[in-house]
Amino acid sequence: MTKVVLATRNQHKVVELRHILADVVEELGLEIVGASEFEGAPDVVEDEVTFEGNARLKAVALARHTGLPALADDSGLAVDVLGGAPGIFSARWAGRHGDDLANLQLLLDQLADVKDEHRQAGFVCAAVLALPDGTLRSAEGHFRGTLAREPRGANGFGYDPLLVVEGDTRTAAELSPEEKNAISHRGNAFRAMVPHLRELLG
């Protein structure tokens, strides 16, 4: 069985990815594990200016450290009327990394005067597979919708309570985990990675 290490210490993300890639994991005999299983796994400074660049930094560093194939992703919210912002700054839009409530409130304040028909936005996720020999493959996924005027739902995190899913009346935070995985930017990016996994690890 080939171990593939995911660039996260969040066990929830590891379980989520195992679910998203369940078919190819079984087909290729892969075992997806988190970075926390490896002592001294690097905490990479994400100083690139694209989602793909930041994901590549994390995947390459982890592949070098572990000697195993590594998967990493970087994602955020891109608001059309803001020219794609907050983008790579999504997690620290209000100044402090990971302060979801402050980030949501700032975004709502910035868009307070924007009419409903101009509140289109979407989550973007770039995924990168890095092998210890330097081989790289990347894929991207999107999850479109419009921004509500107040947060709704308790199932998500980040900006999930604001994004009303395209073709639905619910926000991303009102979907079940199974519903969200089936259409999310992260799910779409890693499903787009499957042909690369087959090519390089099959």
Protein backbone atom coordinates (compact mmCIF):
# COMPACT_ATOMS: atom_id res chain seq x y z
CA MET A 1 0.00 0.00 0.00
CA THR A 2 1.39 3.42 -1.01
CA LYS A 3 1.16 6.16 1.58
CA VAL A 4 0.20 9.62 0.35
CA VAL A 5 0.65 12.41 2.87
CA LEU A 6 -1.76 15.34 2.94
CA ALA A 7 -0.34 18.72 3.92
CA THR A 8 -2.58 19.29 6.93
CA ARG A 9 -2.63 18.50 10.63
CA ASN A 10 -6.43 18.69 10.57
CA GLN A 11 -7.70 15.10 10.85
CA HIS A 12 -11.13 16.22 9.60
CA LYS A 13 -9.53 17.21 6.28
CA VAL A 14 -7.76 13.86 6.05
CA VAL A 15 -11.05 12.00 6.56
CA GLU A 16 -12.80 14.29 4.06
CA LEU A 17 -10.16 13.60 1.40
CA ARG A 18 -10.32 9.86 1.99
CA HIS A 19 -14.05 10.12 1.32
CA ILE A 20 -13.66 12.29 -1.81
CA LEU A 21 -11.01 9.96 -3.28
CA ALA A 22 -12.48 6.70 -1.95
CA ASP A 23 -12.72 5.00 -5.37
CA VAL A 24 -9.18 5.76 -6.54
CA VAL A 25 -7.73 5.06 -3.06
CA GLU A 26 -9.18 1.55 -3.24
CA GLU A 27 -8.28 1.10 -6.91
CA LEU A 28 -4.61 2.05 -6.46
CA GLY A 29 -4.14 0.75 -2.91
CA LEU A 30 -3.37 4.16 -1.43
CA GLU A 31 -3.39 5.21 2.21
CA ILE A 32 -3.95 8.93 2.85
CA VAL A 33 -2.34 10.18 6.06
CA GLY A 34 -1.90 13.61 7.63
CA ALA A 35 1.32 15.57 8.14
CA SER A 36 0.98 15.18 11.91
CA GLU A 37 2.11 11.54 11.55
CA PHE A 38 5.61 12.76 10.67
CA GLU A 39 7.84 14.32 13.28
CA GLY A 40 9.23 17.68 12.23
CA ALA A 41 6.89 18.08 9.27
CA PRO A 42 7.49 21.62 8.02
CA ASP A 43 5.14 24.55 8.60
CA VAL A 44 5.50 26.37 5.30
CA VAL A 45 5.20 30.14 4.98
CA GLU A 46 2.59 30.60 2.25
CA ASP A 47 4.09 33.63 0.52
CA GLU A 48 3.17 32.93 -3.09
CA VAL A 49 0.55 35.11 -4.81
CA THR A 50 -1.67 32.33 -6.23
CA PHE A 51 -3.56 29.41 -4.72
CA GLU A 52 -1.53 27.00 -6.85
CA GLY A 53 1.75 28.58 -5.79
CA ASN A 54 0.95 28.20 -2.09
CA ALA A 55 -0.27 24.62 -2.55
CA ARG A 56 2.94 23.81 -4.44
CA LEU A 57 5.11 25.18 -1.62
CA LYS A 58 3.37 22.92 0.90
CA ALA A 59 3.35 19.79 -1.27
CA VAL A 60 7.02 20.07 -2.28
CA ALA A 61 8.19 20.69 1.29
CA LEU A 62 6.24 17.71 2.59
CA ALA A 63 7.37 15.35 -0.18
CA ARG A 64 10.99 16.28 0.56
CA HIS A 65 10.55 15.82 4.30
CA THR A 66 8.72 12.48 4.18
CA GLY A 67 10.08 10.92 1.00
CA LEU A 68 6.46 10.16 0.07
CA PRO A 69 4.01 11.51 -2.53
CA ALA A 70 2.39 14.61 -1.00
CA LEU A 71 -0.90 16.35 -1.69
CA ALA A 72 -1.60 19.94 -0.70
CA ASP A 73 -4.30 22.45 -1.43
CA ASP A 74 -4.94 26.13 -0.98
CA SER A 75 -8.30 27.76 -1.30
CA GLY A 76 -10.29 30.89 -0.68
CA LEU A 77 -13.22 33.03 -1.68
CA ALA A 78 -13.15 35.14 -4.85
CA VAL A 79 -15.79 37.90 -5.02
CA ASP A 80 -16.47 39.12 -8.55
CA VAL A 81 -17.18 42.76 -7.67
CA LEU A 82 -13.97 42.88 -5.59
CA GLY A 83 -11.88 41.70 -8.54
CA GLY A 84 -11.33 38.24 -7.05
CA ALA A 85 -10.57 39.39 -3.49
CA PRO A 86 -10.20 38.28 -0.74
CA GLY A 87 -8.59 35.44 -2.75
CA ILE A 88 -5.36 34.16 -1.21
CA PHE A 89 -5.95 36.52 1.74
CA SER A 90 -9.32 34.93 2.60
CA ALA A 91 -8.21 33.46 5.96
CA ARG A 92 -6.73 36.76 7.13
CA TRP A 93 -8.99 39.30 5.38
CA ALA A 94 -9.72 41.13 8.64
CA GLY A 95 -6.06 41.05 9.69
CA ARG A 96 -5.84 38.02 11.97
CA HIS A 97 -5.42 34.58 10.45
CA GLY A 98 -8.45 32.34 10.88
CA ASP A 99 -10.80 34.85 12.58
CA ASP A 100 -13.89 33.69 10.69
CA LEU A 101 -16.36 36.06 12.35
CA ALA A 102 -14.21 39.13 11.75
CA ASN A 103 -13.58 38.09 8.14
CA LEU A 104 -17.30 37.59 7.51
CA GLN A 105 -18.24 40.89 9.09
CA LEU A 106 -15.64 42.87 7.15
CA LEU A 107 -16.75 41.33 3.86
CA LEU A 108 -20.42 42.03 4.64
CA ASP A 109 -19.55 45.64 5.50
CA GLN A 110 -17.60 46.05 2.25
CA LEU A 111 -20.52 44.69 0.21
CA ALA A 112 -23.32 46.41 2.15
CA ASP A 113 -24.26 48.71 -0.76
CA VAL A 114 -23.82 46.10 -3.51
CA LYS A 115 -27.13 45.04 -5.07
CA ASP A 116 -28.15 41.39 -4.94
CA GLU A 117 -27.63 40.91 -8.69
CA HIS A 118 -23.96 41.89 -8.35
CA ARG A 119 -23.03 39.66 -5.38
CA GLN A 120 -21.66 36.72 -7.38
CA ALA A 121 -18.70 34.91 -5.86
CA GLY A 122 -17.10 31.52 -5.67
CA PHE A 123 -14.69 29.39 -3.74
CA VAL A 124 -11.52 28.39 -5.58
CA CYS A 125 -9.24 25.49 -4.66
CA ALA A 126 -5.90 24.56 -6.19
CA ALA A 127 -4.55 21.09 -5.44
CA VAL A 128 -0.96 19.99 -6.07
CA LEU A 129 0.60 16.52 -6.06
CA ALA A 130 4.37 16.46 -5.48
CA LEU A 131 6.61 13.42 -5.67
CA PRO A 132 9.97 13.22 -3.89
CA ASP A 133 11.75 13.28 -7.29
CA GLY A 134 10.33 16.73 -8.02
CA THR A 135 7.47 15.66 -10.30
CA LEU A 136 4.47 17.98 -9.94
CA ARG A 137 0.85 17.90 -11.06
CA SER A 138 -1.90 20.41 -10.27
CA ALA A 139 -5.67 20.70 -10.58
CA GLU A 140 -8.26 23.36 -9.77
CA GLY A 141 -11.86 23.28 -8.58
CA HIS A 142 -14.60 25.90 -8.27
CA PHE A 143 -17.82 26.27 -6.27
CA ARG A 144 -19.98 29.19 -7.42
CA GLY A 145 -22.86 31.10 -5.87
CA THR A 146 -23.96 34.51 -4.60
CA LEU A 147 -23.30 36.17 -1.27
CA ALA A 148 -26.12 36.41 1.28
CA ARG A 149 -26.58 39.53 3.40
CA GLU A 150 -26.17 37.64 6.69
CA PRO A 151 -24.61 34.30 7.67
CA ARG A 152 -26.84 31.20 7.62
CA GLY A 153 -26.14 27.61 8.61
CA ALA A 154 -23.92 25.80 11.09
CA ASN A 155 -22.32 23.01 9.03
CA GLY A 156 -19.49 24.95 7.44
CA PHE A 157 -16.60 27.18 8.36
CA GLY A 158 -14.92 30.25 6.93
CA TYR A 159 -17.19 31.95 4.41
CA ASP A 160 -19.51 28.93 4.01
CA PRO A 161 -22.41 30.67 5.85
CA LEU A 162 -22.40 33.49 3.26
CA LEU A 163 -22.25 31.66 -0.08
CA VAL A 164 -25.70 30.75 -1.41
CA VAL A 165 -24.99 27.78 -3.67
CA GLU A 166 -25.67 28.26 -7.37
CA GLY A 167 -28.98 26.58 -8.26
CA ASP A 168 -29.98 26.27 -4.58
CA THR A 169 -31.49 28.50 -1.91
CA ARG A 170 -29.17 27.26 0.84
CA THR A 171 -25.75 28.48 1.83
CA ALA A 172 -22.76 26.15 1.80
CA ALA A 173 -23.08 25.96 5.60
CA GLU A 174 -26.65 24.66 5.28
CA LEU A 175 -25.60 21.66 3.18
CA SER A 176 -24.84 18.27 4.69
CA PRO A 177 -21.16 17.24 4.54
CA GLU A 178 -22.07 14.69 1.85
CA GLU A 179 -23.89 17.29 -0.27
CA LYS A 180 -21.03 19.75 0.07
CA ASN A 181 -18.31 17.19 -0.79
CA ALA A 182 -20.18 16.31 -3.98
CA ILE A 183 -20.02 19.87 -5.35
CA SER A 184 -17.40 21.78 -3.34
CA HIS A 185 -14.32 23.47 -4.77
CA ARG A 186 -12.11 21.14 -2.73
CA GLY A 187 -14.00 18.06 -3.89
CA ASN A 188 -13.86 19.23 -7.51
CA ALA A 189 -10.11 20.00 -7.32
CA PHE A 190 -9.20 16.62 -5.86
CA ARG A 191 -11.51 14.74 -8.24
CA ALA A 192 -9.69 16.54 -11.07
CA MET A 193 -6.45 15.21 -9.54
CA VAL A 194 -7.53 11.55 -9.98
CA PRO A 195 -6.05 11.11 -13.51
CA HIS A 196 -2.69 12.39 -12.17
CA LEU A 197 -2.83 9.95 -9.26
CA ARG A 198 -3.50 7.11 -11.68
CA GLU A 199 -0.66 8.28 -13.96
CA LEU A 200 1.99 8.66 -11.26
CA LEU A 201 0.94 6.20 -8.53
CA GLY A 202 -0.92 3.51 -10.48
